[in-house]
Amino acid sequence: MSDAVAVFGDLKAESDELDLIVRKLREADWVADTPAPGWTVAHQIAHLAWTDAVALLAVTEPGAFAVEAERAARAPDGFVDEAARAGAVDPGPVLLARWRDGRERLGAALGEAPPGARFPWYGPPMSAPSLATARLMETWAHGQDIAAALGVARLPTARLRHVARIGVRARDYAYLVRGEQPPEEPFRVELTGPRGELWVYGPEGASQYVTGPALDFCLLVTQRAHRADLAVRAKGPDAGHWLEIAQAFAGPPGKGRAPGSLRGRGV
């Protein structure tokens, strides 16, 4: 099975795993602070529900999505937080039901998308597998914040290969969104997966490269931890700078996390 096909099932599995963590939360748990400043558990699930909803618009109603994209362009630094705040006011069970319904409808729409079709997004247009990969990445990343808030340790899985891949592919975007010119030379990235397997990206023999545990690399590119707290290493000045600015998500440059703020990487 190709990654392009497997990602649809892996997206569902990632969402279902997070659902197990939040399905029986008490009211006090929903308002627990997560490592993202100003975001509670409710904000995190509200954000996932909102992003699933706009992704569904991109797939099924591109014109309606264009309206959302224009609204985001008018407030690039605040539209994500605003949507999370709006959704987080609902009681936990209502929020949970909305997230479940939205992700189920999005999963069905992505699975039925014609091969080769591309859909608008906040960055470049995306294919259905690429959009599913982006949703998996965000679900995992926000799930890390939720797990940290609730004191839950999650097992890293082979699904991280999707997160790692999008992090590698978004290398140039991380430069461009900051107004910087990406290096012409591709990097080699060698990551150790959860079972000790090696995940390799980029040409063999590249003069600059990145190595480390896949989990740590995924925490880095989703900006869930500072580089200083992770076992990701770079050879070469350009590769080293990339690890300072890497982001796997579309939108403005993230602020990242301060050194020492990592609360559980999963065991």
Protein backbone atom coordinates (compact mmCIF):
# COMPACT_ATOMS: atom_id res chain seq x y z
CA MET A 1 0.00 0.00 0.00
CA SER A 2 1.41 3.40 -0.97
CA ASP A 3 1.71 6.26 1.52
CA ALA A 4 -0.82 8.17 -0.60
CA VAL A 5 -3.43 5.51 0.15
CA ALA A 6 -2.30 4.61 3.67
CA VAL A 7 -2.56 8.18 4.93
CA PHE A 8 -6.38 8.12 4.81
CA GLY A 9 -6.50 5.20 7.24
CA ASP A 10 -3.67 6.63 9.31
CA LEU A 11 -5.51 9.95 9.66
CA LYS A 12 -8.51 8.12 11.06
CA ALA A 13 -6.31 6.09 13.42
CA GLU A 14 -4.55 9.24 14.69
CA SER A 15 -7.89 10.95 15.32
CA ASP A 16 -9.33 7.88 17.02
CA GLU A 17 -6.32 7.68 19.34
CA LEU A 18 -6.77 11.29 20.40
CA ASP A 19 -10.51 10.67 20.82
CA LEU A 20 -9.70 7.99 23.40
CA ILE A 21 -7.88 10.62 25.46
CA VAL A 22 -10.63 13.26 25.42
CA ARG A 23 -13.87 11.28 25.22
CA LYS A 24 -14.45 11.10 28.98
CA LEU A 25 -12.94 14.35 30.18
CA ARG A 26 -14.40 16.17 33.15
CA GLU A 27 -15.42 19.80 32.80
CA ALA A 28 -12.25 20.87 34.63
CA ASP A 29 -10.11 18.94 32.14
CA TRP A 30 -11.50 20.84 29.17
CA VAL A 31 -10.26 24.12 30.62
CA ALA A 32 -6.83 22.76 31.59
CA ASP A 33 -3.97 24.83 30.18
CA THR A 34 -1.86 23.22 27.48
CA PRO A 35 1.76 24.11 26.59
CA ALA A 36 0.43 26.47 23.88
CA PRO A 37 0.12 29.86 25.64
CA GLY A 38 -3.52 30.84 26.11
CA TRP A 39 -4.86 27.56 24.77
CA THR A 40 -6.79 25.07 26.88
CA VAL A 41 -7.71 21.53 25.89
CA ALA A 42 -10.96 22.96 24.55
CA HIS A 43 -9.04 25.41 22.34
CA GLN A 44 -7.01 22.54 20.90
CA ILE A 45 -10.06 20.44 19.96
CA ALA A 46 -11.89 23.54 18.72
CA HIS A 47 -8.97 24.28 16.43
CA LEU A 48 -8.98 20.74 15.02
CA ALA A 49 -12.75 20.92 14.46
CA TRP A 50 -12.47 24.30 12.73
CA THR A 51 -9.60 23.21 10.50
CA ASP A 52 -11.45 20.05 9.50
CA ALA A 53 -14.43 22.22 8.60
CA VAL A 54 -12.45 24.60 6.39
CA ALA A 55 -10.63 21.64 4.80
CA LEU A 56 -14.02 20.15 3.94
CA LEU A 57 -14.96 23.46 2.32
CA ALA A 58 -11.75 23.36 0.28
CA VAL A 59 -12.64 19.90 -1.02
CA THR A 60 -16.39 20.34 -1.56
CA GLU A 61 -16.99 24.11 -1.90
CA PRO A 62 -13.84 25.88 -3.17
CA GLY A 63 -15.72 29.16 -3.55
CA ALA A 64 -16.77 29.16 0.10
CA PHE A 65 -13.22 28.28 1.11
CA ALA A 66 -11.94 31.27 -0.90
CA VAL A 67 -14.07 33.53 1.30
CA GLU A 68 -12.47 31.96 4.41
CA ALA A 69 -9.00 32.38 2.92
CA GLU A 70 -9.65 36.07 2.22
CA ARG A 71 -10.79 36.55 5.81
CA ALA A 72 -7.61 34.88 7.03
CA ALA A 73 -5.47 37.07 4.77
CA ARG A 74 -6.92 40.18 6.42
CA ALA A 75 -5.81 38.95 9.86
CA PRO A 76 -2.91 36.55 9.23
CA ASP A 77 -1.60 36.67 12.78
CA GLY A 78 -4.91 36.24 14.57
CA PHE A 79 -7.44 34.23 12.60
CA VAL A 80 -6.34 30.86 14.01
CA ASP A 81 -6.54 32.03 17.63
CA GLU A 82 -9.87 33.73 16.95
CA ALA A 83 -11.41 30.54 15.56
CA ALA A 84 -10.11 28.51 18.49
CA ARG A 85 -11.55 30.98 21.02
CA ALA A 86 -14.93 30.97 19.28
CA GLY A 87 -15.13 27.18 19.31
CA ALA A 88 -13.83 26.73 22.84
CA VAL A 89 -16.84 28.45 24.42
CA ASP A 90 -19.00 25.37 23.77
CA PRO A 91 -19.33 22.69 26.46
CA GLY A 92 -16.94 19.78 26.07
CA PRO A 93 -19.53 17.24 24.84
CA VAL A 94 -20.79 19.67 22.18
CA LEU A 95 -17.25 20.43 21.04
CA LEU A 96 -16.39 16.74 20.94
CA ALA A 97 -19.46 15.93 18.86
CA ARG A 98 -18.62 18.69 16.37
CA TRP A 99 -15.05 17.47 15.99
CA ARG A 100 -16.19 13.89 15.44
CA ASP A 101 -18.79 14.83 12.85
CA GLY A 102 -16.45 17.13 10.97
CA ARG A 103 -13.54 14.74 10.78
CA GLU A 104 -15.80 11.90 9.63
CA ARG A 105 -17.24 14.02 6.81
CA LEU A 106 -13.79 15.25 5.81
CA GLY A 107 -12.41 11.73 5.76
CA ALA A 108 -15.21 10.60 3.47
CA ALA A 109 -14.71 13.57 1.13
CA LEU A 110 -10.96 13.01 0.89
CA GLY A 111 -11.43 9.31 0.19
CA GLU A 112 -13.88 10.06 -2.62
CA ALA A 113 -11.77 12.79 -4.25
CA PRO A 114 -10.80 12.07 -7.89
CA PRO A 115 -7.18 10.95 -8.35
CA GLY A 116 -4.97 13.90 -9.22
CA ALA A 117 -7.46 16.52 -8.01
CA ARG A 118 -5.96 19.49 -6.17
CA PHE A 119 -7.71 21.71 -3.69
CA PRO A 120 -7.05 25.27 -2.49
CA TRP A 121 -5.37 25.77 0.87
CA TYR A 122 -3.66 28.49 2.89
CA GLY A 123 -0.40 27.54 1.23
CA PRO A 124 -0.07 25.94 -2.21
CA PRO A 125 -3.00 23.84 -3.54
CA MET A 126 -2.96 20.29 -2.19
CA SER A 127 -3.97 16.85 -3.39
CA ALA A 128 -6.32 14.77 -1.24
CA PRO A 129 -3.44 12.64 0.18
CA SER A 130 -1.41 15.78 0.93
CA LEU A 131 -4.37 17.43 2.66
CA ALA A 132 -4.91 14.25 4.69
CA THR A 133 -1.22 14.29 5.63
CA ALA A 134 -1.55 17.89 6.80
CA ARG A 135 -4.58 17.00 8.89
CA LEU A 136 -2.75 14.03 10.41
CA MET A 137 0.21 16.25 11.25
CA GLU A 138 -1.99 18.80 13.01
CA THR A 139 -4.00 16.13 14.82
CA TRP A 140 -0.80 14.58 16.15
CA ALA A 141 0.75 17.93 17.10
CA HIS A 142 -2.30 19.27 18.93
CA GLY A 143 -2.71 15.85 20.49
CA GLN A 144 0.77 16.24 21.96
CA ASP A 145 -0.31 19.46 23.66
CA ILE A 146 -3.47 17.85 24.99
CA ALA A 147 -1.59 14.80 26.28
CA ALA A 148 0.93 17.06 28.02
CA ALA A 149 -1.86 19.04 29.69
CA LEU A 150 -3.53 15.87 30.96
CA GLY A 151 -0.35 14.02 31.94
CA VAL A 152 -0.86 11.31 29.33
CA ALA A 153 2.15 9.65 27.67
CA ARG A 154 1.48 8.55 24.09
CA LEU A 155 3.34 5.84 22.25
CA PRO A 156 5.00 7.08 19.04
CA THR A 157 3.78 5.11 16.04
CA ALA A 158 4.77 4.54 12.43
CA ARG A 159 2.22 7.23 11.53
CA LEU A 160 4.95 9.72 12.38
CA ARG A 161 6.46 9.02 8.96
CA HIS A 162 3.73 11.25 7.49
CA VAL A 163 4.64 14.07 9.87
CA ALA A 164 8.33 13.67 9.14
CA ARG A 165 7.74 13.65 5.40
CA ILE A 166 5.69 16.83 5.39
CA GLY A 167 8.30 18.46 7.62
CA VAL A 168 11.03 17.63 5.10
CA ARG A 169 8.93 18.71 2.11
CA ALA A 170 8.11 22.02 3.80
CA ARG A 171 11.80 22.96 4.14
CA ASP A 172 11.76 25.70 1.50
CA TYR A 173 8.42 27.04 2.73
CA ALA A 174 9.94 27.69 6.16
CA TYR A 175 12.48 30.00 4.51
CA LEU A 176 10.09 31.70 2.12
CA VAL A 177 7.46 32.51 4.76
CA ARG A 178 10.21 34.39 6.62
CA GLY A 179 11.34 36.26 3.53
CA GLU A 180 14.53 34.21 3.27
CA GLN A 181 15.98 32.44 0.25
CA PRO A 182 16.07 28.64 0.59
CA PRO A 183 19.44 26.96 0.03
CA GLU A 184 19.88 25.52 -3.45
CA GLU A 185 21.48 22.37 -2.07
CA PRO A 186 19.09 19.67 -0.83
CA PHE A 187 19.75 18.21 2.61
CA ARG A 188 19.93 14.58 3.61
CA VAL A 189 17.62 13.70 6.52
CA GLU A 190 18.09 10.38 8.34
CA LEU A 191 15.62 9.62 11.13
CA THR A 192 15.23 6.63 13.43
CA GLY A 193 11.62 5.47 13.58
CA PRO A 194 9.79 4.18 16.67
CA ARG A 195 10.84 0.56 16.01
CA GLY A 196 14.44 1.40 15.17
CA GLU A 197 13.85 1.56 11.41
CA LEU A 198 15.63 4.21 9.34
CA TRP A 199 13.61 6.82 7.44
CA VAL A 200 15.69 8.55 4.81
CA TYR A 201 14.97 11.67 2.73
CA GLY A 202 17.18 13.55 0.29
CA PRO A 203 20.18 12.51 -1.77
CA GLU A 204 22.88 10.22 -0.45
CA GLY A 205 26.18 12.03 -0.16
CA ALA A 206 24.68 15.48 0.51
CA SER A 207 27.23 17.69 2.25
CA GLN A 208 24.67 18.95 4.78
CA TYR A 209 22.37 16.65 6.69
CA VAL A 210 20.10 16.17 9.69
CA THR A 211 19.94 13.10 11.94
CA GLY A 212 18.02 12.07 15.03
CA PRO A 213 14.95 10.25 16.36
CA ALA A 214 11.88 10.64 14.15
CA LEU A 215 9.81 11.61 17.20
CA ASP A 216 12.15 14.47 18.06
CA PHE A 217 12.23 15.68 14.46
CA CYS A 218 8.42 15.69 14.37
CA LEU A 219 8.28 17.64 17.64
CA LEU A 220 10.69 20.14 16.10
CA VAL A 221 8.94 20.73 12.76
CA THR A 222 5.54 21.02 14.44
CA GLN A 223 7.15 23.47 16.90
CA ARG A 224 6.10 21.46 19.94
CA ALA A 225 9.58 21.65 21.46
CA HIS A 226 12.71 23.77 21.23
CA ARG A 227 15.68 22.38 19.40
CA ALA A 228 17.75 22.49 22.60
CA ASP A 229 15.46 19.89 24.20
CA LEU A 230 15.67 17.43 21.32
CA ALA A 231 18.23 14.95 20.00
CA VAL A 232 18.11 16.29 16.43
CA ARG A 233 21.51 17.19 15.02
CA ALA A 234 22.61 19.09 11.92
CA LYS A 235 25.82 18.98 9.91
CA GLY A 236 26.41 22.22 8.03
CA PRO A 237 25.41 25.84 8.65
CA ASP A 238 22.38 25.83 6.34
CA ALA A 239 21.01 22.64 7.86
CA GLY A 240 21.59 24.09 11.31
CA HIS A 241 19.66 27.24 10.43
CA TRP A 242 16.80 25.17 9.03
CA LEU A 243 16.39 23.46 12.40
CA GLU A 244 15.96 26.90 13.95
CA ILE A 245 13.08 27.89 11.63
CA ALA A 246 11.52 24.59 10.48
CA GLN A 247 7.74 24.39 10.36
CA ALA A 248 5.54 21.71 8.86
CA PHE A 249 2.38 23.82 8.84
CA ALA A 250 1.07 26.50 6.49
CA GLY A 251 0.69 30.08 7.61
CA PRO A 252 2.84 32.73 9.28
CA PRO A 253 6.08 31.73 11.04
CA GLY A 254 5.35 30.09 14.34
CA LYS A 255 6.76 31.46 17.58
CA GLY A 256 7.93 28.02 18.66
CA ARG A 257 8.47 26.92 22.25
CA ALA A 258 11.00 28.14 24.76
CA PRO A 259 13.89 25.89 25.82
CA GLY A 260 12.93 23.66 28.72
CA SER A 261 9.20 23.79 28.00
CA LEU A 262 8.86 20.25 26.64
CA ARG A 263 6.31 18.40 28.77
CA GLY A 264 6.44 14.79 27.66
CA ARG A 265 7.61 13.64 24.25
CA GLY A 266 5.86 10.26 24.49
CA VAL A 267 7.40 7.03 25.75
